[in-house]
Amino acid sequence: MEAICRCDMENKYEIYNVKPHTLDPKGSQLFAVSEESSCSQRCFCRGPARGMTIKILHVSAGSDKDGEQFLECIKPCKCVMPLLCCNRPQMEVWNVEGN
């Protein structure tokens, strides 16, 4: 989709249980991770300056927490000057499980 319309899309990831020494090393999926950010943030604020919210959800099959969010990471947009250590970006991590 990104190559067709030349726009940057929000990132999505899947985290799997590792099973070494098997035919299926990927194992079962544990978490789903999705990014929330505006189109302008993705296009004009590259690297550490870019603000975003990352949501991490349980997706373990058979679990009573399937689809439930448990972590939220918030990184605000910051103006970052190269080679200067002031105003470094920080990410806040919140446990939102059971809220």
C-alpha atoms as a PDB file:
ATOM      1  CA  MET A   1       0.000   0.000   0.000  1.00  0.00           C
ATOM      2  CA  GLU A   2       2.806   2.438   0.865  1.00  0.00           C
ATOM      3  CA  ALA A   3       4.537   1.955  -2.490  1.00  0.00           C
ATOM      4  CA  ILE A   4       1.305   2.550  -4.431  1.00  0.00           C
ATOM      5  CA  CYS A   5       0.123   5.803  -2.834  1.00  0.00           C
ATOM      6  CA  ARG A   6       3.516   7.076  -1.591  1.00  0.00           C
ATOM      7  CA  CYS A   7       2.385   7.610   1.988  1.00  0.00           C
ATOM      8  CA  ASP A   8       3.839   6.222   5.184  1.00  0.00           C
ATOM      9  CA  MET A   9       1.517   3.911   7.142  1.00  0.00           C
ATOM     10  CA  GLU A  10       1.355   3.223  10.879  1.00  0.00           C
ATOM     11  CA  ASN A  11       3.568   0.272  11.854  1.00  0.00           C
ATOM     12  CA  LYS A  12       2.110  -2.995  13.120  1.00  0.00           C
ATOM     13  CA  TYR A  13       4.061  -5.910  14.607  1.00  0.00           C
ATOM     14  CA  GLU A  14       3.414  -9.438  15.844  1.00  0.00           C
ATOM     15  CA  ILE A  15       5.459 -10.978  18.675  1.00  0.00           C
ATOM     16  CA  TYR A  16       5.813 -14.767  18.727  1.00  0.00           C
ATOM     17  CA  ASN A  17       6.973 -17.382  21.206  1.00  0.00           C
ATOM     18  CA  VAL A  18      10.324 -18.769  20.021  1.00  0.00           C
ATOM     19  CA  LYS A  19      10.557 -22.553  19.661  1.00  0.00           C
ATOM     20  CA  PRO A  20      14.186 -23.435  18.932  1.00  0.00           C
ATOM     21  CA  HIS A  21      15.132 -26.721  17.278  1.00  0.00           C
ATOM     22  CA  THR A  22      11.679 -27.356  15.743  1.00  0.00           C
ATOM     23  CA  LEU A  23      10.276 -27.277  12.225  1.00  0.00           C
ATOM     24  CA  ASP A  24       8.147 -24.258  13.179  1.00  0.00           C
ATOM     25  CA  PRO A  25      10.581 -21.918  14.980  1.00  0.00           C
ATOM     26  CA  LYS A  26       8.054 -19.075  15.118  1.00  0.00           C
ATOM     27  CA  GLY A  27       5.694 -20.752  17.585  1.00  0.00           C
ATOM     28  CA  SER A  28       2.440 -19.163  18.705  1.00  0.00           C
ATOM     29  CA  GLN A  29       1.693 -15.448  18.659  1.00  0.00           C
ATOM     30  CA  LEU A  30       1.850 -13.770  22.088  1.00  0.00           C
ATOM     31  CA  PHE A  31       1.303 -10.054  21.433  1.00  0.00           C
ATOM     32  CA  ALA A  32       0.138  -7.636  18.754  1.00  0.00           C
ATOM     33  CA  VAL A  33       1.721  -4.183  18.625  1.00  0.00           C
ATOM     34  CA  SER A  34       0.255  -1.196  16.801  1.00  0.00           C
ATOM     35  CA  GLU A  35       1.466   2.357  16.377  1.00  0.00           C
ATOM     36  CA  GLU A  36      -0.800   5.399  16.406  1.00  0.00           C
ATOM     37  CA  SER A  37       0.614   8.557  14.851  1.00  0.00           C
ATOM     38  CA  SER A  38      -0.572  11.244  12.482  1.00  0.00           C
ATOM     39  CA  CYS A  39       0.334  11.325   8.811  1.00  0.00           C
ATOM     40  CA  SER A  40       2.187  14.626   9.290  1.00  0.00           C
ATOM     41  CA  GLN A  41       4.263  13.106  12.127  1.00  0.00           C
ATOM     42  CA  ARG A  42       5.288  10.170   9.933  1.00  0.00           C
ATOM     43  CA  CYS A  43       6.124  12.356   6.906  1.00  0.00           C
ATOM     44  CA  PHE A  44       7.810  15.393   8.457  1.00  0.00           C
ATOM     45  CA  CYS A  45       9.226  14.296  11.848  1.00  0.00           C
ATOM     46  CA  ARG A  46      11.752  11.558  11.192  1.00  0.00           C
ATOM     47  CA  GLY A  47      13.740   9.567  13.698  1.00  0.00           C
ATOM     48  CA  PRO A  48      13.801  10.590  17.357  1.00  0.00           C
ATOM     49  CA  ALA A  49      11.717  13.755  16.795  1.00  0.00           C
ATOM     50  CA  ARG A  50       8.640  11.763  15.748  1.00  0.00           C
ATOM     51  CA  GLY A  51       5.824  11.448  18.258  1.00  0.00           C
ATOM     52  CA  MET A  52       3.722   8.277  18.557  1.00  0.00           C
ATOM     53  CA  THR A  53       1.622   6.079  20.806  1.00  0.00           C
ATOM     54  CA  ILE A  54       2.307   2.331  20.812  1.00  0.00           C
ATOM     55  CA  LYS A  55      -0.332  -0.118  22.064  1.00  0.00           C
ATOM     56  CA  ILE A  56       0.555  -3.712  23.000  1.00  0.00           C
ATOM     57  CA  LEU A  57      -2.252  -6.297  23.208  1.00  0.00           C
ATOM     58  CA  HIS A  58      -2.454  -9.915  24.407  1.00  0.00           C
ATOM     59  CA  VAL A  59      -3.326 -12.338  21.586  1.00  0.00           C
ATOM     60  CA  SER A  60      -2.519 -15.714  23.122  1.00  0.00           C
ATOM     61  CA  ALA A  61      -5.004 -18.261  21.810  1.00  0.00           C
ATOM     62  CA  GLY A  62      -7.184 -19.684  24.554  1.00  0.00           C
ATOM     63  CA  SER A  63      -6.224 -16.988  27.034  1.00  0.00           C
ATOM     64  CA  ASP A  64      -8.904 -15.099  28.954  1.00  0.00           C
ATOM     65  CA  LYS A  65      -6.967 -11.902  28.130  1.00  0.00           C
ATOM     66  CA  ASP A  66      -7.063 -12.377  24.322  1.00  0.00           C
ATOM     67  CA  GLY A  67      -7.354  -8.976  22.622  1.00  0.00           C
ATOM     68  CA  GLU A  68      -6.882  -7.050  25.872  1.00  0.00           C
ATOM     69  CA  GLN A  69      -4.388  -4.157  25.893  1.00  0.00           C
ATOM     70  CA  PHE A  70      -1.794  -4.305  28.664  1.00  0.00           C
ATOM     71  CA  LEU A  71       0.899  -1.738  27.781  1.00  0.00           C
ATOM     72  CA  GLU A  72       0.800   1.721  26.231  1.00  0.00           C
ATOM     73  CA  CYS A  73       3.966   3.600  25.268  1.00  0.00           C
ATOM     74  CA  ILE A  74       3.710   7.334  24.626  1.00  0.00           C
ATOM     75  CA  LYS A  75       6.489   9.324  22.955  1.00  0.00           C
ATOM     76  CA  PRO A  76       5.692  13.013  22.383  1.00  0.00           C
ATOM     77  CA  CYS A  77       7.074  14.940  19.421  1.00  0.00           C
ATOM     78  CA  LYS A  78      10.332  16.739  20.324  1.00  0.00           C
ATOM     79  CA  CYS A  79      12.557  19.133  18.426  1.00  0.00           C
ATOM     80  CA  VAL A  80      15.945  17.410  18.445  1.00  0.00           C
ATOM     81  CA  MET A  81      19.191  19.131  17.457  1.00  0.00           C
ATOM     82  CA  PRO A  82      21.872  16.780  16.095  1.00  0.00           C
ATOM     83  CA  LEU A  83      24.957  16.354  18.317  1.00  0.00           C
ATOM     84  CA  LEU A  84      23.283  18.091  21.288  1.00  0.00           C
ATOM     85  CA  CYS A  85      22.244  16.120  24.355  1.00  0.00           C
ATOM     86  CA  CYS A  86      19.580  18.560  25.551  1.00  0.00           C
ATOM     87  CA  ASN A  87      15.899  17.935  24.830  1.00  0.00           C
ATOM     88  CA  ARG A  88      16.336  14.204  24.194  1.00  0.00           C
ATOM     89  CA  PRO A  89      13.154  12.270  23.401  1.00  0.00           C
ATOM     90  CA  GLN A  90      11.680  10.135  26.175  1.00  0.00           C
ATOM     91  CA  MET A  91       9.033   7.428  26.091  1.00  0.00           C
ATOM     92  CA  GLU A  92       6.520   6.884  28.872  1.00  0.00           C
ATOM     93  CA  VAL A  93       5.389   3.284  29.412  1.00  0.00           C
ATOM     94  CA  TRP A  94       2.049   2.682  31.145  1.00  0.00           C
ATOM     95  CA  ASN A  95       0.610  -0.606  32.365  1.00  0.00           C
ATOM     96  CA  VAL A  96      -3.069  -0.319  31.383  1.00  0.00           C
ATOM     97  CA  GLU A  97      -4.029  -3.932  32.066  1.00  0.00           C
ATOM     98  CA  GLY A  98      -7.340  -4.242  33.895  1.00  0.00           C
ATOM     99  CA  ASN A  99      -8.256  -0.546  33.504  1.00  0.00           C
END
